[in-house]
Protein backbone atom coordinates (compact mmCIF):
# COMPACT_ATOMS: atom_id res chain seq x y z
CA MET A 1 -15.73 32.00 2.62
CA SER A 2 -13.95 32.10 5.97
CA ARG A 3 -10.31 33.09 6.18
CA ARG A 4 -9.39 29.58 7.29
CA LYS A 5 -11.18 27.96 4.35
CA SER A 6 -9.60 30.47 1.98
CA LEU A 7 -6.12 29.64 3.28
CA GLN A 8 -6.77 25.90 3.04
CA LYS A 9 -7.98 26.30 -0.56
CA SER A 10 -4.86 28.29 -1.42
CA LYS A 11 -2.66 25.64 0.25
CA ASN A 12 -4.38 22.86 -1.70
CA THR A 13 -3.88 24.75 -4.96
CA ILE A 14 -0.14 25.17 -4.25
CA ILE A 15 0.15 21.43 -3.46
CA TYR A 16 -1.73 20.53 -6.65
CA TRP A 17 0.49 22.59 -8.91
CA SER A 18 3.59 21.43 -7.05
CA VAL A 19 2.64 17.84 -7.72
CA LEU A 20 2.18 18.59 -11.45
CA VAL A 21 5.55 20.26 -11.62
CA LEU A 22 7.27 17.47 -9.70
CA VAL A 23 5.69 14.82 -11.94
CA LYS A 24 6.75 16.53 -15.11
CA PHE A 25 10.23 17.09 -13.75
CA LEU A 26 10.77 13.47 -12.62
CA ARG A 27 9.38 12.01 -15.84
CA ALA A 28 11.84 14.09 -17.82
CA LEU A 29 14.90 12.91 -15.94
CA PRO A 30 16.98 9.78 -16.55
CA GLU A 31 16.13 6.95 -14.10
CA THR A 32 19.25 7.16 -11.93
CA ILE A 33 19.07 10.92 -11.60
CA ALA A 34 15.39 10.84 -10.72
CA HIS A 35 15.99 8.31 -7.96
CA GLY A 36 19.07 10.19 -6.74
CA PHE A 37 17.09 13.40 -6.50
CA MET A 38 14.24 11.75 -4.60
CA ALA A 39 16.68 9.97 -2.28
CA PHE A 40 18.14 13.38 -1.42
CA MET A 41 14.64 14.75 -0.85
CA GLY A 42 13.80 11.87 1.41
CA ARG A 43 16.81 12.50 3.59
CA LEU A 44 16.02 16.17 3.65
CA ALA A 45 12.43 15.41 4.73
CA PHE A 46 13.79 13.36 7.59
CA ARG A 47 15.47 16.49 8.90
CA VAL A 48 12.82 19.10 8.22
CA ALA A 49 9.62 17.15 9.01
CA PRO A 50 9.82 16.61 12.80
CA GLY A 51 6.23 15.46 13.16
CA GLU A 52 6.58 12.65 10.63
CA ARG A 53 9.98 11.77 11.99
CA ARG A 54 8.54 11.38 15.48
CA LYS A 55 5.79 9.08 14.20
CA VAL A 56 8.38 6.83 12.53
CA LEU A 57 10.64 6.70 15.58
CA HIS A 58 7.67 6.02 17.84
CA ASN A 59 6.57 3.05 15.71
CA LEU A 60 10.11 1.74 15.45
CA HIS A 61 10.44 1.93 19.21
CA LEU A 62 7.16 0.11 19.62
CA VAL A 63 8.16 -2.79 17.30
CA PHE A 64 11.94 -2.96 17.82
CA GLU A 65 12.34 -1.69 21.41
CA ASN A 66 14.36 -4.79 22.46
CA LYS A 67 16.05 -5.42 19.09
CA LEU A 68 17.45 -2.03 18.01
CA SER A 69 19.31 0.63 19.95
CA GLU A 70 18.13 4.23 19.74
CA LYS A 71 20.98 5.04 17.35
CA GLU A 72 20.02 2.12 15.12
CA ARG A 73 16.35 3.24 15.11
CA VAL A 74 17.35 6.77 14.03
CA LYS A 75 19.50 5.32 11.24
CA LYS A 76 16.64 3.06 10.09
CA ALA A 77 14.19 6.01 10.23
CA GLU A 78 16.34 8.04 7.85
CA ALA A 79 16.57 5.08 5.50
CA ILE A 80 12.75 4.76 5.60
CA PHE A 81 12.33 8.35 4.49
CA GLU A 82 14.80 7.80 1.64
CA MET A 83 13.19 4.58 0.42
CA ILE A 84 9.67 6.00 0.54
CA ALA A 85 10.84 8.96 -1.56
CA ARG A 86 12.55 6.65 -4.10
CA ASN A 87 9.50 4.48 -4.36
CA GLY A 88 7.42 7.59 -4.80
CA ALA A 89 9.61 8.47 -7.78
CA ALA A 90 8.92 5.04 -9.24
CA ALA A 91 5.15 5.51 -8.87
CA LEU A 92 5.28 8.88 -10.60
CA ARG A 93 7.40 7.45 -13.44
CA ILE A 94 5.02 4.57 -14.29
CA PRO A 95 4.36 5.96 -17.82
CA ASN A 96 8.12 5.94 -18.45
CA TYR A 97 8.31 2.26 -17.50
CA ILE A 98 5.30 1.30 -19.62
CA GLU A 99 6.77 3.12 -22.65
CA ASP A 100 10.16 1.56 -22.08
CA GLY A 101 8.67 -1.94 -21.47
CA ILE A 102 7.66 -2.39 -17.88
CA GLU A 103 9.10 -5.90 -17.75
CA LYS A 104 12.58 -4.29 -17.95
CA TRP A 105 11.98 -2.69 -14.56
CA VAL A 106 9.76 -5.13 -12.73
CA ARG A 107 9.80 -8.89 -12.29
CA ILE A 108 7.51 -11.15 -10.30
CA VAL A 109 8.34 -14.08 -8.04
CA GLY A 110 5.55 -16.56 -7.21
CA MET A 111 3.39 -15.80 -10.21
CA GLU A 112 2.15 -19.37 -10.09
CA HIS A 113 0.27 -18.59 -6.89
CA LEU A 114 -1.64 -15.80 -8.56
CA GLN A 115 -2.37 -17.84 -11.68
CA ASP A 116 -3.64 -20.82 -9.67
CA ALA A 117 -5.95 -18.52 -7.72
CA LEU A 118 -7.30 -16.77 -10.84
CA ALA A 119 -7.90 -20.16 -12.47
CA LYS A 120 -10.54 -20.99 -9.84
CA GLY A 121 -12.83 -18.43 -11.52
CA ARG A 122 -14.10 -16.86 -8.31
CA GLY A 123 -12.08 -13.68 -8.38
CA VAL A 124 -8.97 -13.02 -6.28
CA ILE A 125 -8.26 -10.61 -3.46
CA GLY A 126 -4.71 -9.36 -3.70
CA LEU A 127 -3.79 -8.55 -0.13
CA THR A 128 -1.07 -5.93 0.31
CA GLY A 129 -0.08 -2.79 2.18
CA HIS A 130 1.70 0.48 1.70
CA ILE A 131 4.94 -1.35 0.83
CA GLY A 132 7.42 -0.28 -1.83
CA SER A 133 5.88 1.32 -4.91
CA TRP A 134 2.45 -0.33 -4.64
CA GLU A 135 1.09 1.71 -7.54
CA LEU A 136 3.85 0.33 -9.75
CA MET A 137 2.90 -3.22 -8.68
CA ALA A 138 -0.68 -2.58 -9.69
CA ALA A 139 0.39 -1.12 -13.03
CA TYR A 140 2.63 -4.12 -13.74
CA VAL A 141 -0.16 -6.62 -13.02
CA SER A 142 -2.57 -4.62 -15.19
CA GLN A 143 -0.02 -4.61 -18.03
CA LEU A 144 -0.01 -8.42 -17.88
CA GLY A 145 -3.64 -8.27 -18.98
CA ILE A 146 -5.09 -9.32 -15.63
CA PRO A 147 -8.34 -7.37 -14.91
CA LEU A 148 -7.39 -5.44 -11.80
CA ALA A 149 -9.37 -3.06 -9.63
CA VAL A 150 -7.83 -1.18 -6.70
CA VAL A 151 -9.66 0.15 -3.68
CA GLY A 152 -8.46 3.55 -2.49
CA LYS A 153 -9.53 6.40 -0.32
CA ASN A 154 -10.76 9.59 -1.99
CA LEU A 155 -8.12 12.28 -1.67
CA TYR A 156 -8.86 15.48 0.15
CA ASP A 157 -8.56 17.54 -3.02
CA LYS A 158 -10.76 16.64 -5.99
CA ARG A 159 -8.14 17.75 -8.47
CA LEU A 160 -5.54 15.42 -6.97
CA ASP A 161 -8.07 12.64 -6.77
CA LYS A 162 -8.92 13.03 -10.45
CA LEU A 163 -5.23 13.08 -11.26
CA LEU A 164 -4.53 9.84 -9.36
CA ILE A 165 -7.53 8.01 -10.84
CA GLY A 166 -6.45 9.14 -14.32
CA TRP A 167 -2.97 7.71 -13.77
CA ARG A 168 -4.43 4.40 -12.55
CA GLU A 169 -6.81 4.13 -15.55
CA ASP A 170 -4.01 5.03 -17.96
CA ALA A 171 -2.02 2.11 -16.53
CA GLY A 172 -4.96 -0.23 -17.18
CA MET A 173 -6.61 -0.63 -13.80
CA GLN A 174 -10.07 0.20 -12.46
CA ASN A 175 -10.34 2.50 -9.44
CA ILE A 176 -12.94 1.72 -6.72
CA PRO A 177 -13.48 4.46 -4.09
CA ARG A 178 -13.16 3.08 -0.57
CA ASP A 179 -16.39 4.62 0.61
CA GLY A 180 -19.15 2.19 -0.19
CA ALA A 181 -16.69 -0.15 -1.91
CA ALA A 182 -18.24 -3.44 -0.77
CA ARG A 183 -20.86 -3.68 -3.58
CA SER A 184 -18.35 -2.82 -6.31
CA MET A 185 -15.81 -5.29 -4.93
CA LEU A 186 -18.46 -7.98 -4.86
CA GLN A 187 -19.43 -7.35 -8.53
CA TRP A 188 -15.76 -7.33 -9.62
CA LEU A 189 -14.97 -10.59 -7.90
CA LYS A 190 -18.07 -12.25 -9.36
CA LYS A 191 -16.61 -11.38 -12.80
CA GLY A 192 -13.43 -13.24 -11.86
CA GLY A 193 -11.24 -10.19 -11.57
CA LEU A 194 -8.41 -9.36 -9.17
CA ILE A 195 -8.94 -6.71 -6.46
CA GLY A 196 -6.04 -5.03 -4.74
CA VAL A 197 -6.68 -4.13 -1.11
CA LEU A 198 -4.38 -2.49 1.45
CA ILE A 199 -5.11 -3.51 5.02
CA ASP A 200 -2.23 -1.92 6.91
CA GLN A 201 -3.78 1.31 8.16
CA ASP A 202 -6.13 2.34 10.98
CA THR A 203 -9.13 3.68 9.04
CA LYS A 204 -12.82 4.28 9.53
CA VAL A 205 -13.85 1.17 7.59
CA GLU A 206 -15.43 -1.76 9.47
CA SER A 207 -12.54 -3.36 11.35
CA GLU A 208 -11.61 -5.51 14.30
CA PHE A 209 -8.44 -5.79 16.37
CA ALA A 210 -5.91 -8.42 15.39
CA PRO A 211 -2.21 -8.84 16.23
CA PHE A 212 0.19 -6.98 13.95
CA MET A 213 3.91 -6.82 14.68
CA GLY A 214 3.28 -7.81 18.25
CA HIS A 215 0.51 -5.30 19.06
CA PRO A 216 -3.28 -5.13 18.52
CA ALA A 217 -4.17 -3.21 15.34
CA ARG A 218 -7.53 -2.37 13.78
CA THR A 219 -7.72 -4.57 10.69
CA PRO A 220 -10.31 -4.22 7.93
CA LEU A 221 -12.88 -7.00 7.77
CA ALA A 222 -14.19 -6.62 4.20
CA PRO A 223 -11.48 -8.61 2.33
CA MET A 224 -11.78 -11.61 4.63
CA LEU A 225 -15.63 -11.51 4.66
CA LEU A 226 -15.84 -11.21 0.89
CA ALA A 227 -13.40 -14.05 0.43
CA GLN A 228 -15.47 -16.34 2.60
CA ARG A 229 -18.78 -15.27 1.04
CA LEU A 230 -17.69 -15.93 -2.52
CA GLY A 231 -14.93 -18.52 -2.02
CA ALA A 232 -12.50 -16.01 -3.52
CA PRO A 233 -8.82 -16.78 -2.70
CA ILE A 234 -6.78 -14.22 -0.77
CA VAL A 235 -3.27 -13.95 -2.25
CA PRO A 236 -0.75 -11.77 -0.40
CA MET A 237 1.66 -9.78 -2.54
CA ALA A 238 4.01 -6.78 -2.36
CA ILE A 239 6.75 -5.03 -4.32
CA HIS A 240 10.22 -4.00 -3.23
CA LEU A 241 12.85 -1.76 -4.78
CA GLN A 242 16.23 -3.48 -5.30
CA GLU A 243 19.75 -2.10 -5.05
CA ASN A 244 20.05 -2.11 -8.86
CA GLY A 245 17.04 0.24 -9.18
CA LYS A 246 14.65 -2.43 -10.39
CA HIS A 247 11.64 -3.87 -8.54
CA VAL A 248 10.59 -7.35 -7.49
CA ILE A 249 7.02 -8.38 -6.78
CA THR A 250 6.68 -11.23 -4.27
CA VAL A 251 3.43 -13.30 -4.40
CA LEU A 252 2.80 -15.64 -1.47
CA PRO A 253 0.57 -18.76 -1.61
CA GLU A 254 -3.15 -18.36 -1.12
CA LEU A 255 -4.13 -17.97 2.50
CA ASP A 256 -5.64 -21.10 4.09
CA LEU A 257 -8.56 -19.42 5.82
CA ILE A 258 -10.57 -21.24 8.46
CA PRO A 259 -14.13 -21.92 7.15
CA ASP A 260 -16.58 -19.33 8.42
CA ASP A 261 -18.61 -20.59 11.38
CA LYS A 262 -20.00 -17.15 12.29
CA THR A 263 -17.93 -16.98 15.50
CA GLY A 264 -15.73 -14.14 16.63
CA ALA A 265 -12.88 -16.53 17.40
CA THR A 266 -12.71 -17.76 13.79
CA ARG A 267 -12.87 -14.22 12.46
CA GLN A 268 -10.01 -13.25 14.72
CA LYS A 269 -7.87 -16.22 13.57
CA ASN A 270 -8.45 -15.34 9.95
CA LEU A 271 -7.61 -11.68 10.46
CA ALA A 272 -4.42 -12.76 12.23
CA LEU A 273 -3.57 -14.86 9.18
CA CYS A 274 -3.94 -11.80 6.96
CA ASN A 275 -1.72 -9.71 9.24
CA ARG A 276 0.96 -12.42 9.46
CA ALA A 277 1.17 -12.54 5.67
CA LEU A 278 1.59 -8.75 5.62
CA GLU A 279 4.31 -8.96 8.28
CA GLN A 280 6.16 -11.52 6.12
CA LEU A 281 5.99 -9.19 3.12
CA ILE A 282 7.15 -6.16 5.08
CA ALA A 283 10.05 -8.12 6.55
CA ILE A 284 11.54 -8.65 3.09
CA ASP A 285 12.78 -5.05 3.45
CA ASP A 286 11.13 -3.24 6.38
CA ARG A 287 12.59 0.10 5.26
CA GLN A 288 10.00 0.15 2.46
CA TRP A 289 6.88 0.16 4.61
CA VAL A 290 5.17 3.49 5.43
CA TRP A 291 6.09 3.69 9.13
CA MET A 292 4.79 7.29 9.55
CA HIS A 293 1.17 6.12 9.72
CA LYS A 294 -0.30 5.84 13.24
CA ARG A 295 -0.95 2.12 12.82
CA TRP A 296 -1.59 1.43 16.50
CA LYS A 297 -3.44 4.65 17.30
CA SER A 298 -6.67 2.82 18.21
CA GLN A 299 -6.45 0.22 20.94
CA PRO A 300 -9.00 -2.18 22.43
CA LYS A 301 -10.88 -0.85 25.39
CA LYS A 302 -9.57 -2.24 28.64
CA LYS A 303 -11.96 -4.60 30.34
CA THR A 304 -13.13 -3.44 33.72
């Protein structure tokens, strides 16, 4: 084994055991103390993680250049770090919420939109992004008795991946690895289940450019194509942490997709519909979106 691989393996082992310790620590604390601790850690990370801070500030400048001053963007960036850390605490404390009665900590607005979509019997695509404590949202929906599968990327460390999948399964959901997910998604929808998909990142999955927050962004095609192939409704939804420490899930009405006519123009319009719904959910509290991802890294090639 090369020295570089050996160092990476050691680093991954340290991260793995650190996660285990953090999880045990947070689950042992009272709710307010756990959130207070993670809020402090988020503010600390804002100061000691210059690379991530630069990504957030770059994206805020891109989106809010004419709406926020530099001082306001810095203030918002620090709040973003804090909110992400607090939502991370909520995700790690899901077993606590389930034991305590998850309905005490989470409520849902717009449930009728999800119920109406499920009643069609063609499966439902729950469209969301890295907003709030998305793992907690999935756990809550699963605890309602709705058959839910979530599509996620395999983590770089098999031990962490196994840990995450175990947490999801314990909360009642099915995990579908993102690589080669199309067939599994198709089968799940045919059974009438709900699939949670996150479309707010620039990934290697089949994508096309569509407007997102005023700029072209690579947007995954699979959810929209599956919806049109099966007639499965796309229902946008997201979760947000409230000032009182509880969480609210917002479910929007089913997207009114344009019927597929095999043209690129129609595909673009439907992708734009998906992104606009995501923008609407993020805008509920934009501090709770993961701004440190390079969302607009890829750009369309300029025509010559």
